[in-house]
């Protein structure tokens, strides 16, 4: 029994050591995450988000460059972004800084136009197996959107003819918390 426990412990330790190694190598990396946004300000909206990012570890541990796409439920936006990340390889638990910048297109009429997206965040990766880690991060998402408010108009033959339209730009962002995995 003692030999079996030592063998199992050795396998677990070897996988943990090897899991730490893959973060320090060049090559493909992918991320998938699910999160929430706590709306801030007069136009901030609470939302659920889902995203996936794929790219290349350019400088082992210190520079990841990728691109991603996601979905934001608050105003039904489709964010597309470039992603820069740096990670400090400290072992099984590795802190990281992440920055996403891009554009969110609309999928619904509420917000007539999407807008610029900036999302800095900090987090930690827990290496649990070969080329697989769990992540948790917190950050701020700045999401621009333009709304149109019809102030006067009339229906002619069942179609709305707008006389006065007020277009306003808003930040509908807030604090975001994401959890996900890296592969």
N, C-alpha and C. Protein backbone atom coordinates (compact mmCIF):
# COMPACT_ATOMS: atom_id res chain seq x y z
N UNK A 1 0.82 -1.19 0.00
CA UNK A 1 0.00 0.00 0.00
C UNK A 1 0.87 1.26 0.00
N UNK A 2 1.94 1.21 0.78
CA UNK A 2 2.84 2.36 0.87
C UNK A 2 3.48 2.64 -0.50
N UNK A 3 3.86 1.60 -1.23
CA UNK A 3 4.46 1.77 -2.55
C UNK A 3 3.47 2.38 -3.53
N UNK A 4 2.20 1.97 -3.46
CA UNK A 4 1.16 2.51 -4.34
C UNK A 4 0.97 4.01 -4.06
N UNK A 5 0.92 4.39 -2.80
CA UNK A 5 0.77 5.80 -2.44
C UNK A 5 1.96 6.64 -2.92
N UNK A 6 3.16 6.11 -2.76
CA UNK A 6 4.36 6.82 -3.22
C UNK A 6 4.33 6.95 -4.74
N UNK A 7 3.91 5.90 -5.43
CA UNK A 7 3.82 5.94 -6.89
C UNK A 7 2.80 7.00 -7.34
N UNK A 8 1.62 7.01 -6.72
CA UNK A 8 0.58 7.98 -7.08
C UNK A 8 1.05 9.40 -6.79
N UNK A 9 1.68 9.59 -5.64
CA UNK A 9 2.21 10.90 -5.28
C UNK A 9 3.27 11.35 -6.28
N UNK A 10 4.12 10.43 -6.72
CA UNK A 10 5.15 10.75 -7.71
C UNK A 10 4.53 11.18 -9.04
N UNK A 11 3.48 10.50 -9.47
CA UNK A 11 2.79 10.87 -10.71
C UNK A 11 2.17 12.26 -10.60
N UNK A 12 1.52 12.52 -9.48
CA UNK A 12 0.90 13.82 -9.28
C UNK A 12 1.96 14.92 -9.28
N UNK A 13 3.05 14.72 -8.58
CA UNK A 13 4.12 15.72 -8.53
C UNK A 13 4.73 15.94 -9.91
N UNK A 14 4.93 14.88 -10.66
CA UNK A 14 5.50 15.00 -12.00
C UNK A 14 4.57 15.79 -12.91
N UNK A 15 3.27 15.56 -12.81
CA UNK A 15 2.33 16.30 -13.66
C UNK A 15 2.29 17.77 -13.27
N UNK A 16 2.41 18.08 -11.99
CA UNK A 16 2.42 19.47 -11.55
C UNK A 16 3.66 20.18 -12.06
N UNK A 17 4.81 19.55 -11.94
CA UNK A 17 6.06 20.14 -12.43
C UNK A 17 5.99 20.33 -13.94
N UNK A 18 5.49 19.35 -14.67
CA UNK A 18 5.39 19.45 -16.12
C UNK A 18 4.37 20.51 -16.53
N UNK A 19 3.28 20.62 -15.75
CA UNK A 19 2.27 21.62 -16.07
C UNK A 19 2.84 23.02 -16.00
N UNK A 20 3.73 23.26 -15.06
CA UNK A 20 4.35 24.58 -14.95
C UNK A 20 5.22 24.87 -16.16
N UNK A 21 5.85 23.86 -16.73
CA UNK A 21 6.77 24.02 -17.86
C UNK A 21 6.11 24.59 -19.11
N UNK A 22 4.91 24.16 -19.45
CA UNK A 22 4.31 24.54 -20.72
C UNK A 22 4.05 26.03 -20.81
N UNK A 23 3.87 26.71 -19.68
CA UNK A 23 3.64 28.15 -19.72
C UNK A 23 4.89 28.92 -20.13
N UNK A 24 6.04 28.28 -20.03
CA UNK A 24 7.29 28.97 -20.33
C UNK A 24 7.82 28.64 -21.72
N UNK A 25 7.02 28.00 -22.55
CA UNK A 25 7.46 27.62 -23.89
C UNK A 25 6.76 28.45 -24.95
N UNK A 26 7.45 28.65 -26.09
CA UNK A 26 6.83 29.31 -27.24
C UNK A 26 5.80 28.38 -27.84
N UNK A 27 4.84 28.96 -28.55
CA UNK A 27 3.88 28.14 -29.26
C UNK A 27 2.44 28.59 -29.03
N UNK A 28 1.53 27.81 -29.60
CA UNK A 28 0.10 28.10 -29.53
C UNK A 28 -0.40 28.05 -28.09
N UNK A 29 -1.30 28.96 -27.76
CA UNK A 29 -2.04 28.92 -26.49
C UNK A 29 -3.47 29.35 -26.77
N UNK A 30 -4.37 28.78 -26.02
CA UNK A 30 -5.77 29.16 -26.14
C UNK A 30 -6.38 29.39 -24.77
N UNK A 31 -7.41 30.21 -24.74
CA UNK A 31 -8.11 30.53 -23.50
C UNK A 31 -9.61 30.53 -23.78
N UNK A 32 -10.39 30.09 -22.83
CA UNK A 32 -11.85 30.19 -22.90
C UNK A 32 -12.33 30.62 -21.53
N UNK A 33 -13.26 31.57 -21.50
CA UNK A 33 -13.72 32.02 -20.19
C UNK A 33 -15.19 32.44 -20.20
N UNK A 34 -15.74 32.41 -19.01
CA UNK A 34 -17.11 32.81 -18.73
C UNK A 34 -17.02 33.85 -17.63
N UNK A 35 -17.79 34.91 -17.75
CA UNK A 35 -17.67 35.95 -16.73
C UNK A 35 -18.92 36.77 -16.56
N UNK A 36 -18.77 37.77 -15.72
CA UNK A 36 -19.86 38.69 -15.46
C UNK A 36 -19.32 40.11 -15.40
N UNK A 37 -20.18 41.05 -15.76
CA UNK A 37 -19.85 42.47 -15.69
C UNK A 37 -20.82 43.11 -14.70
N UNK A 38 -20.27 43.86 -13.76
CA UNK A 38 -21.08 44.63 -12.82
C UNK A 38 -21.07 46.06 -13.35
N UNK A 39 -22.21 46.49 -13.90
CA UNK A 39 -22.29 47.79 -14.56
C UNK A 39 -21.94 48.94 -13.64
N UNK A 40 -21.23 49.92 -14.19
CA UNK A 40 -20.81 51.11 -13.44
C UNK A 40 -21.35 52.36 -14.13
N UNK A 41 -21.65 53.39 -13.38
CA UNK A 41 -22.07 54.66 -13.95
C UNK A 41 -23.53 54.65 -14.38
N UNK A 42 -23.94 55.74 -15.01
CA UNK A 42 -25.34 55.91 -15.38
C UNK A 42 -25.80 54.98 -16.50
N UNK A 43 -24.89 54.50 -17.31
CA UNK A 43 -25.26 53.62 -18.42
C UNK A 43 -24.63 52.24 -18.33
N UNK A 44 -23.92 51.96 -17.25
CA UNK A 44 -23.32 50.64 -17.08
C UNK A 44 -24.40 49.58 -16.94
N UNK A 45 -24.18 48.44 -17.52
CA UNK A 45 -25.17 47.37 -17.48
C UNK A 45 -24.53 46.09 -16.98
N UNK A 46 -25.27 45.37 -16.13
CA UNK A 46 -24.82 44.05 -15.70
C UNK A 46 -24.94 43.11 -16.89
N UNK A 47 -24.01 42.18 -17.00
CA UNK A 47 -24.02 41.29 -18.15
C UNK A 47 -23.31 39.98 -17.84
N UNK A 48 -23.61 38.98 -18.62
CA UNK A 48 -22.83 37.75 -18.65
C UNK A 48 -22.00 37.80 -19.92
N UNK A 49 -20.79 37.27 -19.85
CA UNK A 49 -19.92 37.26 -21.03
C UNK A 49 -19.32 35.87 -21.21
N UNK A 50 -19.02 35.57 -22.45
CA UNK A 50 -18.31 34.35 -22.78
C UNK A 50 -17.33 34.73 -23.90
N UNK A 51 -16.12 34.20 -23.83
CA UNK A 51 -15.15 34.54 -24.87
C UNK A 51 -14.12 33.43 -25.05
N UNK A 52 -13.49 33.46 -26.19
CA UNK A 52 -12.39 32.55 -26.48
C UNK A 52 -11.29 33.33 -27.19
N UNK A 53 -10.05 33.06 -26.79
CA UNK A 53 -8.89 33.75 -27.33
C UNK A 53 -7.88 32.71 -27.79
N UNK A 54 -7.26 32.95 -28.94
CA UNK A 54 -6.26 32.03 -29.46
C UNK A 54 -5.09 32.85 -29.99
N UNK A 55 -3.89 32.35 -29.77
CA UNK A 55 -2.73 33.09 -30.23
C UNK A 55 -1.43 32.36 -30.01
N UNK A 56 -0.37 33.12 -29.90
CA UNK A 56 0.98 32.57 -29.86
C UNK A 56 1.75 33.15 -28.69
N UNK A 57 2.40 32.28 -27.95
CA UNK A 57 3.30 32.70 -26.87
C UNK A 57 4.61 33.10 -27.54
N UNK A 58 4.81 34.40 -27.75
CA UNK A 58 5.94 34.92 -28.51
C UNK A 58 7.24 34.83 -27.71
N UNK A 59 7.21 35.38 -26.51
CA UNK A 59 8.36 35.33 -25.61
C UNK A 59 7.94 34.45 -24.45
N UNK A 60 8.61 33.31 -24.24
CA UNK A 60 8.18 32.39 -23.19
C UNK A 60 7.88 33.12 -21.87
N UNK A 61 6.69 32.89 -21.36
CA UNK A 61 6.17 33.44 -20.11
C UNK A 61 5.80 34.91 -20.18
N UNK A 62 6.53 35.70 -20.93
CA UNK A 62 6.38 37.13 -20.79
C UNK A 62 5.55 37.83 -21.85
N UNK A 63 5.30 37.23 -23.00
CA UNK A 63 4.50 37.92 -24.01
C UNK A 63 3.68 36.94 -24.83
N UNK A 64 2.36 37.04 -24.66
CA UNK A 64 1.40 36.30 -25.47
C UNK A 64 0.67 37.33 -26.33
N UNK A 65 0.50 37.01 -27.62
CA UNK A 65 -0.25 37.86 -28.54
C UNK A 65 -1.31 36.99 -29.20
N UNK A 66 -2.54 37.45 -29.16
CA UNK A 66 -3.62 36.66 -29.74
C UNK A 66 -4.79 37.53 -30.15
N UNK A 67 -5.84 36.87 -30.59
CA UNK A 67 -7.08 37.54 -30.97
C UNK A 67 -8.24 36.69 -30.45
N UNK A 68 -9.35 37.35 -30.21
CA UNK A 68 -10.47 36.62 -29.66
C UNK A 68 -11.81 37.19 -30.07
N UNK A 69 -12.83 36.45 -29.71
CA UNK A 69 -14.21 36.83 -29.98
C UNK A 69 -15.05 36.40 -28.80
N UNK A 70 -16.13 37.11 -28.56
CA UNK A 70 -16.96 36.78 -27.42
C UNK A 70 -18.41 37.14 -27.65
N UNK A 71 -19.16 37.10 -26.57
CA UNK A 71 -20.59 37.43 -26.59
C UNK A 71 -20.92 38.10 -25.27
N UNK A 72 -21.62 39.24 -25.32
CA UNK A 72 -21.99 40.00 -24.14
C UNK A 72 -23.50 40.13 -24.12
N UNK A 73 -24.15 39.66 -23.04
CA UNK A 73 -25.61 39.63 -23.01
C UNK A 73 -26.27 40.96 -22.72
N UNK A 74 -25.56 41.94 -22.15
CA UNK A 74 -26.23 43.17 -21.71
C UNK A 74 -26.90 43.89 -22.86
N UNK A 75 -26.23 44.10 -23.93
CA UNK A 75 -26.81 44.76 -25.09
C UNK A 75 -26.64 43.90 -26.32
N UNK A 76 -26.43 42.65 -26.11
CA UNK A 76 -26.24 41.67 -27.16
C UNK A 76 -25.18 42.15 -28.15
N UNK A 77 -23.96 42.26 -27.62
CA UNK A 77 -22.81 42.70 -28.41
C UNK A 77 -21.90 41.53 -28.72
N UNK A 78 -21.19 41.64 -29.82
CA UNK A 78 -20.22 40.64 -30.24
C UNK A 78 -18.84 41.29 -30.24
N UNK A 79 -18.10 41.18 -29.11
CA UNK A 79 -16.77 41.79 -29.05
C UNK A 79 -15.73 40.99 -29.82
N UNK A 80 -14.90 41.69 -30.59
CA UNK A 80 -13.75 41.11 -31.29
C UNK A 80 -12.54 41.93 -30.85
N UNK A 81 -11.46 41.26 -30.46
CA UNK A 81 -10.37 41.99 -29.83
C UNK A 81 -9.02 41.36 -30.10
N UNK A 82 -7.97 42.18 -29.91
CA UNK A 82 -6.60 41.71 -29.86
C UNK A 82 -6.26 41.56 -28.39
N UNK A 83 -5.42 40.60 -28.06
CA UNK A 83 -5.11 40.29 -26.67
C UNK A 83 -3.61 40.25 -26.45
N UNK A 84 -3.13 41.00 -25.46
CA UNK A 84 -1.74 40.94 -25.01
C UNK A 84 -1.76 40.44 -23.57
N UNK A 85 -0.81 39.57 -23.25
CA UNK A 85 -0.77 39.02 -21.90
C UNK A 85 0.67 38.77 -21.50
N UNK A 86 0.94 39.03 -20.23
CA UNK A 86 2.23 38.66 -19.66
C UNK A 86 1.96 37.86 -18.40
N UNK A 87 2.76 36.83 -18.20
CA UNK A 87 2.55 35.93 -17.08
C UNK A 87 3.86 35.71 -16.35
N UNK A 88 3.82 35.73 -15.04
CA UNK A 88 5.02 35.49 -14.24
C UNK A 88 5.03 34.02 -13.83
N UNK A 89 5.95 33.23 -14.37
CA UNK A 89 5.97 31.79 -14.07
C UNK A 89 6.53 31.54 -12.67
N UNK A 90 5.64 31.46 -11.70
CA UNK A 90 6.08 31.29 -10.31
C UNK A 90 5.80 29.89 -9.79
N UNK A 91 5.46 28.98 -10.67
CA UNK A 91 5.17 27.61 -10.24
C UNK A 91 3.75 27.23 -10.58
N UNK A 92 3.14 26.51 -9.68
CA UNK A 92 1.79 26.01 -9.89
C UNK A 92 0.77 27.15 -10.02
N UNK A 93 0.97 28.22 -9.27
CA UNK A 93 0.13 29.41 -9.32
C UNK A 93 0.92 30.53 -9.99
N UNK A 94 0.40 31.07 -11.10
CA UNK A 94 1.12 32.11 -11.85
C UNK A 94 0.23 33.33 -12.06
N UNK A 95 0.62 34.49 -11.53
CA UNK A 95 -0.15 35.71 -11.78
C UNK A 95 0.06 36.20 -13.21
N UNK A 96 -0.94 36.92 -13.73
CA UNK A 96 -0.81 37.47 -15.08
C UNK A 96 -1.48 38.83 -15.18
N UNK A 97 -1.04 39.60 -16.18
CA UNK A 97 -1.67 40.85 -16.59
C UNK A 97 -2.20 40.61 -18.00
N UNK A 98 -3.41 41.06 -18.26
CA UNK A 98 -4.07 40.80 -19.53
C UNK A 98 -4.66 42.10 -20.05
N UNK A 99 -4.56 42.35 -21.35
CA UNK A 99 -5.16 43.54 -21.95
C UNK A 99 -5.82 43.17 -23.26
N UNK A 100 -7.09 43.52 -23.38
CA UNK A 100 -7.85 43.29 -24.60
C UNK A 100 -8.29 44.64 -25.15
N UNK A 101 -8.16 44.82 -26.46
CA UNK A 101 -8.62 46.04 -27.12
C UNK A 101 -9.24 45.66 -28.45
N UNK A 102 -10.37 46.25 -28.76
CA UNK A 102 -11.02 45.91 -30.01
C UNK A 102 -12.30 46.68 -30.22
N UNK A 103 -13.26 46.02 -30.84
CA UNK A 103 -14.53 46.63 -31.21
C UNK A 103 -15.64 45.62 -30.97
N UNK A 104 -16.77 46.12 -30.48
CA UNK A 104 -17.95 45.26 -30.30
C UNK A 104 -19.02 45.68 -31.28
N UNK A 105 -19.45 44.75 -32.09
CA UNK A 105 -20.54 45.01 -33.02
C UNK A 105 -21.86 44.67 -32.37
N UNK A 106 -22.92 45.28 -32.85
CA UNK A 106 -24.24 45.05 -32.28
C UNK A 106 -24.89 43.81 -32.88
N UNK A 107 -25.73 43.20 -32.07
CA UNK A 107 -26.54 42.09 -32.55
C UNK A 107 -28.02 42.36 -32.30
N UNK A 108 -28.32 43.54 -31.74
CA UNK A 108 -29.69 43.89 -31.38
C UNK A 108 -29.89 45.38 -31.63
N UNK A 109 -31.11 45.82 -31.78
CA UNK A 109 -31.38 47.21 -32.14
C UNK A 109 -31.28 48.18 -30.97
N UNK A 110 -31.27 47.75 -29.72
CA UNK A 110 -31.21 48.65 -28.56
C UNK A 110 -30.10 49.68 -28.68
N UNK A 111 -28.91 49.20 -28.87
CA UNK A 111 -27.76 50.07 -29.07
C UNK A 111 -27.47 50.05 -30.55
N UNK A 112 -27.69 51.18 -31.20
CA UNK A 112 -27.64 51.22 -32.65
C UNK A 112 -26.27 50.94 -33.22
N UNK A 113 -25.25 51.31 -32.48
CA UNK A 113 -23.89 51.04 -32.93
C UNK A 113 -23.11 50.47 -31.76
N UNK A 114 -22.22 49.57 -32.07
CA UNK A 114 -21.29 49.09 -31.05
C UNK A 114 -20.23 50.16 -30.86
N UNK A 115 -19.09 49.76 -30.35
CA UNK A 115 -18.04 50.74 -30.16
C UNK A 115 -16.77 50.12 -29.67
N UNK A 116 -15.84 50.99 -29.32
CA UNK A 116 -14.51 50.57 -28.86
C UNK A 116 -14.62 49.78 -27.55
N UNK A 117 -13.67 48.87 -27.39
CA UNK A 117 -13.61 48.00 -26.22
C UNK A 117 -12.19 48.01 -25.69
N UNK A 118 -12.03 48.28 -24.39
CA UNK A 118 -10.73 48.19 -23.71
C UNK A 118 -10.96 47.43 -22.41
N UNK A 119 -10.14 46.43 -22.16
CA UNK A 119 -10.36 45.58 -20.99
C UNK A 119 -9.04 45.14 -20.36
N UNK A 120 -8.48 45.96 -19.45
CA UNK A 120 -7.31 45.50 -18.68
C UNK A 120 -7.78 44.64 -17.50
N UNK A 121 -7.01 43.61 -17.16
CA UNK A 121 -7.36 42.78 -16.02
C UNK A 121 -6.11 42.13 -15.43
N UNK A 122 -6.24 41.67 -14.20
CA UNK A 122 -5.19 40.92 -13.51
C UNK A 122 -5.81 39.62 -13.03
N UNK A 123 -4.98 38.59 -12.96
CA UNK A 123 -5.52 37.31 -12.54
C UNK A 123 -4.44 36.33 -12.17
N UNK A 124 -4.87 35.10 -12.00
CA UNK A 124 -3.96 34.03 -11.63
C UNK A 124 -4.35 32.76 -12.38
N UNK A 125 -3.34 32.01 -12.81
CA UNK A 125 -3.54 30.71 -13.46
C UNK A 125 -3.06 29.62 -12.51
N UNK A 126 -3.86 28.59 -12.38
CA UNK A 126 -3.50 27.42 -11.58
C UNK A 126 -3.27 26.27 -12.55
N UNK A 127 -2.02 25.85 -12.70
CA UNK A 127 -1.69 24.73 -13.59
C UNK A 127 -2.12 23.43 -12.94
N UNK A 128 -3.06 22.73 -13.58
CA UNK A 128 -3.58 21.50 -12.98
C UNK A 128 -3.17 20.23 -13.73
N UNK A 129 -2.77 20.35 -14.97
CA UNK A 129 -2.36 19.18 -15.76
C UNK A 129 -1.50 19.66 -16.92
N UNK A 130 -1.00 18.70 -17.67
CA UNK A 130 -0.17 19.02 -18.83
C UNK A 130 -0.98 19.89 -19.80
N UNK A 131 -0.48 21.08 -20.09
CA UNK A 131 -1.09 22.04 -21.01
C UNK A 131 -2.54 22.39 -20.66
N UNK A 132 -2.84 22.47 -19.37
CA UNK A 132 -4.19 22.84 -18.94
C UNK A 132 -4.12 23.58 -17.62
N UNK A 133 -4.77 24.71 -17.55
CA UNK A 133 -4.81 25.48 -16.31
C UNK A 133 -6.16 26.15 -16.12
N UNK A 134 -6.51 26.40 -14.88
CA UNK A 134 -7.72 27.14 -14.54
C UNK A 134 -7.33 28.57 -14.21
N UNK A 135 -8.21 29.51 -14.56
CA UNK A 135 -7.88 30.92 -14.38
C UNK A 135 -9.01 31.68 -13.70
N UNK A 136 -8.61 32.73 -12.99
CA UNK A 136 -9.55 33.65 -12.38
C UNK A 136 -8.97 35.05 -12.55
N UNK A 137 -9.79 36.00 -13.02
CA UNK A 137 -9.28 37.37 -13.21
C UNK A 137 -10.36 38.39 -12.87
N UNK A 138 -9.90 39.59 -12.59
CA UNK A 138 -10.78 40.72 -12.33
C UNK A 138 -10.21 41.93 -13.07
N UNK A 139 -11.09 42.76 -13.61
CA UNK A 139 -10.63 43.92 -14.36
C UNK A 139 -11.74 44.92 -14.57
N UNK A 140 -11.49 45.87 -15.45
CA UNK A 140 -12.49 46.87 -15.82
C UNK A 140 -12.68 46.82 -17.32
N UNK A 141 -13.93 46.78 -17.75
CA UNK A 141 -14.21 46.77 -19.18
C UNK A 141 -14.83 48.12 -19.56
N UNK A 142 -14.19 48.78 -20.51
CA UNK A 142 -14.70 50.03 -21.06
C UNK A 142 -15.32 49.68 -22.40
N UNK A 143 -16.64 49.81 -22.52
CA UNK A 143 -17.35 49.44 -23.73
C UNK A 143 -18.19 50.62 -24.21
N UNK A 144 -17.83 51.19 -25.35
CA UNK A 144 -18.60 52.30 -25.92
C UNK A 144 -19.77 51.74 -26.71
N UNK A 145 -20.88 52.47 -26.67
CA UNK A 145 -22.05 52.14 -27.48
C UNK A 145 -22.79 53.43 -27.80
N UNK A 146 -23.41 53.49 -28.95
CA UNK A 146 -24.18 54.66 -29.36
C UNK A 146 -25.65 54.29 -29.38
N UNK A 147 -26.46 55.11 -28.73
CA UNK A 147 -27.90 54.88 -28.72
C UNK A 147 -28.59 55.95 -29.57
N UNK A 148 -29.70 55.60 -30.10
CA UNK A 148 -30.54 56.56 -30.83
C UNK A 148 -31.88 56.62 -30.13
N UNK A 149 -32.33 57.82 -29.89
CA UNK A 149 -33.63 58.02 -29.27
C UNK A 149 -34.46 58.88 -30.22
N UNK A 150 -35.56 58.33 -30.68
CA UNK A 150 -36.43 59.07 -31.59
C UNK A 150 -37.25 60.03 -30.74
N UNK A 151 -37.07 61.33 -30.99
CA UNK A 151 -37.80 62.33 -30.22
C UNK A 151 -39.08 62.76 -30.93
N UNK A 152 -39.09 62.66 -32.23
CA UNK A 152 -40.34 62.92 -32.95
C UNK A 152 -40.29 62.16 -34.27
N UNK A 153 -41.44 61.74 -34.67
CA UNK A 153 -41.55 60.99 -35.90
C UNK A 153 -43.00 60.61 -36.14
N UNK A 154 -43.28 60.05 -37.27
CA UNK A 154 -44.65 59.63 -37.56
C UNK A 154 -44.61 58.41 -38.47
N UNK A 155 -45.67 57.66 -38.41
CA UNK A 155 -45.79 56.49 -39.26
C UNK A 155 -46.48 56.88 -40.56
N UNK A 156 -45.89 56.53 -41.66
CA UNK A 156 -46.47 56.75 -42.98
C UNK A 156 -46.49 55.40 -43.67
N UNK A 157 -47.67 54.92 -44.01
CA UNK A 157 -47.84 53.61 -44.64
C UNK A 157 -47.16 52.50 -43.83
N UNK A 158 -47.30 52.57 -42.52
CA UNK A 158 -46.75 51.53 -41.65
C UNK A 158 -45.26 51.60 -41.42
N UNK A 159 -44.62 52.65 -41.91
CA UNK A 159 -43.17 52.80 -41.75
C UNK A 159 -42.88 54.08 -40.97
N UNK A 160 -41.95 54.00 -40.00
CA UNK A 160 -41.62 55.16 -39.18
C UNK A 160 -40.71 56.11 -39.94
N UNK A 161 -41.15 57.34 -40.07
CA UNK A 161 -40.31 58.39 -40.64
C UNK A 161 -39.85 59.26 -39.48
N UNK A 162 -38.54 59.33 -39.28
CA UNK A 162 -37.98 60.04 -38.14
C UNK A 162 -37.77 61.50 -38.50
N UNK A 163 -38.31 62.37 -37.65
CA UNK A 163 -38.11 63.81 -37.83
C UNK A 163 -36.91 64.27 -37.02
N UNK A 164 -36.84 63.83 -35.77
CA UNK A 164 -35.74 64.22 -34.89
C UNK A 164 -35.20 62.98 -34.21
N UNK A 165 -33.91 62.81 -34.30
CA UNK A 165 -33.27 61.65 -33.68
C UNK A 165 -32.10 62.15 -32.84
N UNK A 166 -32.03 61.71 -31.62
CA UNK A 166 -30.95 62.10 -30.72
C UNK A 166 -30.01 60.91 -30.53
N UNK A 167 -28.77 61.04 -30.99
CA UNK A 167 -27.79 59.95 -30.85
C UNK A 167 -26.82 60.31 -29.74
N UNK A 168 -26.61 59.37 -28.82
CA UNK A 168 -25.71 59.59 -27.70
C UNK A 168 -24.74 58.43 -27.58
N UNK A 169 -23.50 58.77 -27.19
CA UNK A 169 -22.47 57.74 -26.96
C UNK A 169 -22.35 57.52 -25.46
N UNK A 170 -22.25 56.26 -25.06
CA UNK A 170 -22.18 55.91 -23.65
C UNK A 170 -21.11 54.86 -23.41
N UNK A 171 -20.58 54.85 -22.18
CA UNK A 171 -19.77 53.73 -21.71
C UNK A 171 -20.72 52.81 -20.96
N UNK A 172 -20.92 51.61 -21.47
CA UNK A 172 -21.82 50.66 -20.81
C UNK A 172 -21.03 49.58 -20.09
N UNK A 173 -19.80 49.89 -19.74
CA UNK A 173 -18.91 48.91 -19.12
C UNK A 173 -19.03 48.85 -17.61
N UNK A 174 -18.04 48.19 -17.00
CA UNK A 174 -18.01 48.05 -15.55
C UNK A 174 -16.92 47.09 -15.12
N UNK A 175 -17.00 46.67 -13.87
CA UNK A 175 -16.05 45.71 -13.31
C UNK A 175 -16.38 44.33 -13.88
N UNK A 176 -15.36 43.64 -14.37
CA UNK A 176 -15.64 42.29 -14.87
C UNK A 176 -14.82 41.25 -14.11
N UNK A 177 -15.45 40.12 -13.89
CA UNK A 177 -14.83 38.97 -13.22
C UNK A 177 -14.98 37.80 -14.18
N UNK A 178 -13.86 37.14 -14.47
CA UNK A 178 -13.88 36.01 -15.41
C UNK A 178 -13.24 34.78 -14.77
N UNK A 179 -13.79 33.63 -15.09
CA UNK A 179 -13.12 32.37 -14.75
C UNK A 179 -13.12 31.53 -16.02
N UNK A 180 -12.07 30.76 -16.18
CA UNK A 180 -11.97 29.98 -17.40
C UNK A 180 -10.82 29.01 -17.34
N UNK A 181 -10.39 28.60 -18.51
CA UNK A 181 -9.27 27.67 -18.57
C UNK A 181 -8.36 28.03 -19.73
N UNK A 182 -7.13 27.59 -19.62
CA UNK A 182 -6.13 27.80 -20.65
C UNK A 182 -5.63 26.44 -21.13
N UNK A 183 -5.34 26.38 -22.40
CA UNK A 183 -4.87 25.11 -22.98
C UNK A 183 -3.81 25.37 -24.02
